[in-house]
């Protein structure tokens, strides 16, 4: 949670953390390496059509405890890594991912050139930068945001 802002919900400059920061473990002892969100899926073919064919991800690996059991898989594109799960309880349908990237306009052009009949996203400015929001076939949203050059660090 952050304090400060322009009165309309957008932070101005660098926001100051709110809460008891004195109780945090020193950064030298804790090093977060990577965050991998888990999205719930209900249909493997639809998931592959969206994440592989449309978004351009590669399937890194797939796991089932035995044939006929739900799929748990990892897809990636560059540094974007996602886990997709058919397992009940692994994730909530309709979740949202917000990720920063460079080249959002190029990604938008790439996706617009594809023959994917279920989605024709546009570019928006959300107060932080230029944003491309995609919704997968399961209601999960992926927000790709390229931060403005000024006022972000």
Foldseek 3Di string as FASTA:
>chain_A
DFDAPDVPPHHFFDTDDDDPPVPDDDPVVDDDDADEEEAEDADPVLCCCPVCVQQPWDWPDWDAPDPPGKIWTWTDDVRHIYIYTNDPPPDDFQAEAEDEDPDPVVSLVSNCPDDDPPDNWDWDQDNFAIWTWDAGPRNYIYIYGHGDPPRDD
